[in-house]
């Protein structure tokens, strides 16, 4: 893929959590093409290694590391590997996250008859607290803990930046997924808080809020087996003025702008939507 503009990240060490996935894998590849040395952290080492191998095959520098963003001990072990093989971290991309069926209602709206239904319906009252906790922790705590572990290395380093991944849900919650919506709203708030907190030690903190992109996690919700769109997908596209889902590479320009200490040196504490106009559209 042709990069949209010239960004020089030579010798910068970048850590990408969730880097084995579709979106964050694209982030890792783009950062490597700009000269960064990239550590790809993922719960599934084989996924991290696959992205790292692709980067290295194209002349870049990357390593895959197994890490659990919910376990401080795991993150410190990953940090040791990063420090030993690549050096001290300059840029952290907090990309790990996701949803879980136990934090999701079956229907968009509650109807009284659902309470007595013999069908297998999960209403708001049936949501599993453990499922809610899992989703909130994966997204919010899974952003906070890596930041605690890696940002210490970034204090007063030239070009230090943290990029979090928020969501359209943080602006207006989507139906059926209260846990995920709440967690992403927390990430946006945390981004602003951390930007202020870190402002005196030279670490900029911003977030990208992707609109709707087809990924491995959401493909089953948005696509039918025959390749056509589900009803939910059609509703999303109807609310997206550009009328389509985003492509992972369409996040790259915003990412590179935010990590570059020349292009965005005075940008701090922002949450940037990349959503095809979804958040701007009232539906009328």
Protein backbone atom coordinates (compact mmCIF):
# COMPACT_ATOMS: atom_id res chain seq x y z
CA UNK A 1 0.00 0.00 0.00
CA UNK A 2 1.24 3.48 -0.90
CA UNK A 3 1.54 5.64 2.20
CA UNK A 4 -0.50 8.86 1.95
CA UNK A 5 2.40 11.11 2.93
CA UNK A 6 5.99 10.95 4.10
CA UNK A 7 6.47 10.19 7.80
CA UNK A 8 9.92 9.39 9.17
CA UNK A 9 9.85 7.06 12.19
CA UNK A 10 13.35 5.69 11.70
CA UNK A 11 14.75 4.17 14.90
CA UNK A 12 11.49 4.80 16.79
CA UNK A 13 10.26 1.81 18.79
CA UNK A 14 6.52 1.26 18.56
CA UNK A 15 4.46 -1.16 20.66
CA UNK A 16 1.10 -2.23 19.20
CA UNK A 17 -1.29 -4.19 21.41
CA UNK A 18 -3.81 -6.35 19.59
CA UNK A 19 -1.38 -6.20 16.69
CA UNK A 20 -2.35 -9.59 15.35
CA UNK A 21 -5.80 -8.37 14.32
CA UNK A 22 -6.98 -6.83 11.06
CA UNK A 23 -6.95 -3.14 12.02
CA UNK A 24 -3.93 -3.12 14.32
CA UNK A 25 -2.03 -5.43 11.99
CA UNK A 26 -2.48 -2.74 9.34
CA UNK A 27 -1.25 -0.15 11.84
CA UNK A 28 1.89 -2.20 12.55
CA UNK A 29 2.69 -2.64 8.85
CA UNK A 30 2.26 1.07 8.10
CA UNK A 31 4.43 2.13 11.04
CA UNK A 32 7.15 -0.30 9.93
CA UNK A 33 7.06 1.13 6.39
CA UNK A 34 7.85 4.50 7.97
CA UNK A 35 11.01 3.02 9.50
CA UNK A 36 9.74 2.16 12.99
CA UNK A 37 10.86 -0.95 14.83
CA UNK A 38 7.56 -2.56 15.79
CA UNK A 39 6.71 -4.88 18.66
CA UNK A 40 3.44 -6.65 17.93
CA UNK A 41 1.71 -7.80 21.11
CA UNK A 42 -1.20 -10.18 20.94
CA UNK A 43 -2.82 -12.81 23.15
CA UNK A 44 -2.26 -15.26 20.27
CA UNK A 45 1.46 -15.37 19.52
CA UNK A 46 0.90 -17.04 16.16
CA UNK A 47 -1.16 -14.01 15.05
CA UNK A 48 1.53 -11.59 16.24
CA UNK A 49 4.26 -13.63 14.56
CA UNK A 50 2.36 -13.73 11.26
CA UNK A 51 2.23 -9.93 11.09
CA UNK A 52 5.87 -9.62 12.19
CA UNK A 53 7.00 -12.10 9.54
CA UNK A 54 5.18 -10.16 6.84
CA UNK A 55 6.86 -6.93 7.95
CA UNK A 56 10.32 -8.52 8.11
CA UNK A 57 9.85 -10.12 4.68
CA UNK A 58 9.30 -6.64 3.25
CA UNK A 59 12.51 -5.30 4.79
CA UNK A 60 11.08 -3.89 8.00
CA UNK A 61 11.87 -4.69 11.61
CA UNK A 62 9.26 -6.35 13.80
CA UNK A 63 8.88 -8.95 16.53
CA UNK A 64 5.80 -10.83 17.71
CA UNK A 65 5.25 -11.22 21.44
CA UNK A 66 2.55 -13.07 23.36
CA UNK A 67 1.02 -10.75 25.94
CA UNK A 68 -2.18 -10.44 27.95
CA UNK A 69 -3.18 -6.78 28.30
CA UNK A 70 -5.12 -7.63 31.48
CA UNK A 71 -2.08 -9.03 33.30
CA UNK A 72 0.61 -6.63 34.47
CA UNK A 73 3.13 -9.45 34.87
CA UNK A 74 2.61 -10.51 31.25
CA UNK A 75 3.06 -6.94 30.06
CA UNK A 76 6.27 -6.44 32.02
CA UNK A 77 7.61 -9.68 30.53
CA UNK A 78 6.76 -8.35 27.08
CA UNK A 79 8.43 -5.03 27.91
CA UNK A 80 11.65 -6.85 28.80
CA UNK A 81 11.68 -8.48 25.37
CA UNK A 82 10.95 -5.16 23.65
CA UNK A 83 13.72 -3.36 25.56
CA UNK A 84 16.22 -6.13 24.88
CA UNK A 85 15.50 -6.64 21.18
CA UNK A 86 14.34 -3.20 20.00
CA UNK A 87 15.05 -0.61 22.70
CA UNK A 88 12.94 1.76 24.79
CA UNK A 89 9.41 2.50 23.64
CA UNK A 90 8.65 5.80 21.86
CA UNK A 91 5.08 5.18 20.73
CA UNK A 92 2.32 2.99 22.18
CA UNK A 93 -0.74 1.97 20.17
CA UNK A 94 -3.44 0.58 22.49
CA UNK A 95 -5.40 -1.50 20.00
CA UNK A 96 -6.48 -4.54 22.01
CA UNK A 97 -10.22 -4.73 22.62
CA UNK A 98 -13.48 -6.31 21.58
CA UNK A 99 -16.96 -7.36 22.60
CA UNK A 100 -18.49 -10.56 24.04
CA UNK A 101 -21.93 -12.15 23.60
CA UNK A 102 -22.47 -12.14 27.38
CA UNK A 103 -22.40 -8.34 27.32
CA UNK A 104 -24.93 -8.14 24.49
CA UNK A 105 -28.75 -8.08 24.43
CA UNK A 106 -30.66 -10.08 21.85
CA UNK A 107 -32.95 -7.23 20.82
CA UNK A 108 -32.47 -3.51 20.32
CA UNK A 109 -35.55 -2.61 22.40
CA UNK A 110 -37.14 -4.10 25.50
CA UNK A 111 -40.78 -5.18 25.20
CA UNK A 112 -42.81 -6.30 28.19
CA UNK A 113 -43.65 -9.65 26.58
CA UNK A 114 -39.93 -10.45 26.35
CA UNK A 115 -39.80 -10.78 30.13
CA UNK A 116 -42.08 -13.82 30.08
CA UNK A 117 -40.96 -15.22 26.74
CA UNK A 118 -39.99 -18.87 26.50
CA UNK A 119 -37.64 -18.02 23.64
CA UNK A 120 -33.92 -17.79 24.24
CA UNK A 121 -33.85 -14.00 24.61
CA UNK A 122 -31.21 -12.05 26.53
CA UNK A 123 -32.77 -8.85 27.84
CA UNK A 124 -31.05 -6.11 29.79
CA UNK A 125 -32.05 -7.94 32.98
CA UNK A 126 -30.32 -11.12 31.82
CA UNK A 127 -26.94 -9.60 31.08
CA UNK A 128 -24.18 -11.55 32.81
CA UNK A 129 -22.15 -9.33 35.18
CA UNK A 130 -19.07 -11.41 34.38
CA UNK A 131 -19.63 -10.79 30.67
CA UNK A 132 -19.98 -7.04 31.29
CA UNK A 133 -16.84 -7.10 33.42
CA UNK A 134 -14.89 -8.99 30.75
CA UNK A 135 -15.79 -6.52 28.01
CA UNK A 136 -15.12 -3.45 30.15
CA UNK A 137 -11.80 -4.82 31.39
CA UNK A 138 -10.60 -5.93 27.96
CA UNK A 139 -11.18 -2.49 26.49
CA UNK A 140 -10.56 -0.03 29.32
CA UNK A 141 -8.25 -1.88 31.71
CA UNK A 142 -6.56 -3.35 28.62
CA UNK A 143 -5.71 0.22 27.63
CA UNK A 144 -4.76 1.49 31.08
CA UNK A 145 -2.35 -1.31 32.06
CA UNK A 146 -0.18 -1.26 28.89
CA UNK A 147 0.04 2.52 29.26
CA UNK A 148 1.25 2.18 32.83
CA UNK A 149 3.89 -0.37 31.79
CA UNK A 150 5.25 1.20 28.59
CA UNK A 151 4.80 4.94 29.05
CA UNK A 152 7.46 5.10 31.79
CA UNK A 153 10.04 4.56 29.06
CA UNK A 154 8.54 7.41 27.07
CA UNK A 155 8.92 10.23 29.59
CA UNK A 156 10.70 13.22 27.99
CA UNK A 157 11.61 11.22 24.87
CA UNK A 158 11.43 13.00 21.54
CA UNK A 159 8.27 12.01 19.67
CA UNK A 160 6.61 10.17 22.56
CA UNK A 161 2.95 9.45 21.87
CA UNK A 162 0.14 7.18 23.02
CA UNK A 163 -2.68 6.38 20.59
CA UNK A 164 -5.81 4.76 21.99
CA UNK A 165 -8.58 3.15 19.96
CA UNK A 166 -12.03 4.45 20.83
CA UNK A 167 -15.20 3.91 18.78
CA UNK A 168 -18.38 5.45 17.41
CA UNK A 169 -19.99 3.91 20.50
CA UNK A 170 -18.18 6.48 22.61
CA UNK A 171 -20.08 9.30 20.88
CA UNK A 172 -23.51 7.64 20.70
CA UNK A 173 -24.01 4.12 22.10
CA UNK A 174 -25.17 1.47 19.67
CA UNK A 175 -28.11 -0.73 20.59
CA UNK A 176 -27.49 -4.23 22.01
CA UNK A 177 -23.89 -3.67 23.21
CA UNK A 178 -23.98 -1.64 26.45
CA UNK A 179 -20.73 -3.03 27.86
CA UNK A 180 -18.70 -2.26 24.76
CA UNK A 181 -20.25 1.20 24.40
CA UNK A 182 -19.52 2.07 28.03
CA UNK A 183 -15.97 0.79 27.80
CA UNK A 184 -15.19 2.81 24.67
CA UNK A 185 -16.68 5.94 26.27
CA UNK A 186 -14.31 5.32 29.17
CA UNK A 187 -11.37 5.11 26.76
CA UNK A 188 -12.25 8.49 25.23
CA UNK A 189 -12.49 10.05 28.68
CA UNK A 190 -9.24 8.39 29.75
CA UNK A 191 -7.53 9.71 26.62
CA UNK A 192 -8.38 13.27 27.62
CA UNK A 193 -7.44 12.71 31.25
CA UNK A 194 -4.09 11.12 30.36
CA UNK A 195 -3.25 13.83 27.83
CA UNK A 196 -3.49 16.42 30.58
CA UNK A 197 -1.66 14.26 33.12
CA UNK A 198 1.27 13.53 30.79
CA UNK A 199 1.51 16.98 29.23
CA UNK A 200 4.45 18.12 31.39
CA UNK A 201 6.64 15.11 30.56
CA UNK A 202 6.34 15.34 26.78
CA UNK A 203 3.93 12.50 26.06
CA UNK A 204 1.03 13.34 23.74
CA UNK A 205 -2.10 11.20 24.07
CA UNK A 206 -4.82 10.99 21.42
CA UNK A 207 -7.37 8.48 20.17
CA UNK A 208 -8.81 7.29 16.90
CA UNK A 209 -12.54 6.50 16.84
CA UNK A 210 -13.13 4.15 13.90
CA UNK A 211 -16.52 3.95 12.32
CA UNK A 212 -17.57 0.63 10.86
CA UNK A 213 -14.91 -1.63 9.40
CA UNK A 214 -15.28 -5.31 8.55
CA UNK A 215 -13.03 -7.30 10.89
CA UNK A 216 -12.77 -10.90 12.02
CA UNK A 217 -14.67 -9.99 15.19
CA UNK A 218 -17.73 -8.39 13.60
CA UNK A 219 -17.98 -10.20 10.26
CA UNK A 220 -20.55 -12.65 11.63
CA UNK A 221 -22.77 -9.77 12.75
CA UNK A 222 -22.55 -7.84 9.50
CA UNK A 223 -22.35 -10.48 6.78
CA UNK A 224 -24.59 -13.44 5.98
CA UNK A 225 -23.13 -16.74 4.83
CA UNK A 226 -24.07 -15.92 1.23
CA UNK A 227 -21.99 -12.71 1.37
CA UNK A 228 -24.94 -10.32 1.61
CA UNK A 229 -25.37 -7.78 4.41
CA UNK A 230 -27.35 -8.51 7.55
CA UNK A 231 -30.17 -6.22 8.63
CA UNK A 232 -27.86 -4.57 11.19
CA UNK A 233 -25.24 -3.94 8.50
CA UNK A 234 -27.85 -2.34 6.27
CA UNK A 235 -28.92 -0.04 9.12
CA UNK A 236 -25.30 1.00 9.67
CA UNK A 237 -24.79 1.74 5.99
CA UNK A 238 -28.03 3.72 5.95
CA UNK A 239 -26.60 5.92 8.71
CA UNK A 240 -23.21 6.31 7.01
CA UNK A 241 -23.34 9.14 4.44
CA UNK A 242 -20.53 7.57 2.40
CA UNK A 243 -22.66 4.42 2.14
CA UNK A 244 -20.00 1.79 2.74
CA UNK A 245 -17.78 0.18 5.36
CA UNK A 246 -14.29 1.50 5.87
CA UNK A 247 -11.11 -0.24 4.74
CA UNK A 248 -8.38 -0.78 7.33
CA UNK A 249 -5.89 1.29 5.31
CA UNK A 250 -8.24 4.29 5.59
CA UNK A 251 -7.25 4.63 9.25
CA UNK A 252 -3.56 4.88 8.41
CA UNK A 253 -3.43 8.57 7.45
CA UNK A 254 -4.95 9.60 10.79
CA UNK A 255 -2.67 7.24 12.71
CA UNK A 256 0.50 8.50 11.05
CA UNK A 257 -0.54 12.12 11.48
CA UNK A 258 -1.13 11.57 15.21
CA UNK A 259 2.18 9.79 15.86
CA UNK A 260 4.31 12.26 13.91
CA UNK A 261 5.77 14.85 16.26
CA UNK A 262 6.07 17.41 13.46
CA UNK A 263 2.69 17.01 11.75
CA UNK A 264 0.67 16.98 14.99
CA UNK A 265 3.00 18.41 17.62
CA UNK A 266 0.24 20.58 19.16
CA UNK A 267 -2.50 17.94 18.92
CA UNK A 268 -3.21 16.48 22.35
CA UNK A 269 -6.25 14.99 24.08
CA UNK A 270 -8.32 14.55 20.92
CA UNK A 271 -10.59 11.73 19.75
CA UNK A 272 -10.65 11.71 15.96
CA UNK A 273 -13.59 10.02 14.17
CA UNK A 274 -12.75 8.11 10.98
CA UNK A 275 -16.27 7.05 10.12
CA UNK A 276 -17.48 8.07 6.68
CA UNK A 277 -19.65 10.75 8.24
CA UNK A 278 -21.54 8.44 10.63
CA UNK A 279 -21.12 10.67 13.69
CA UNK A 280 -22.16 13.78 11.74
CA UNK A 281 -25.41 12.39 10.36
CA UNK A 282 -28.66 12.94 12.24
CA UNK A 283 -30.59 10.47 10.13
CA UNK A 284 -32.58 13.23 8.40
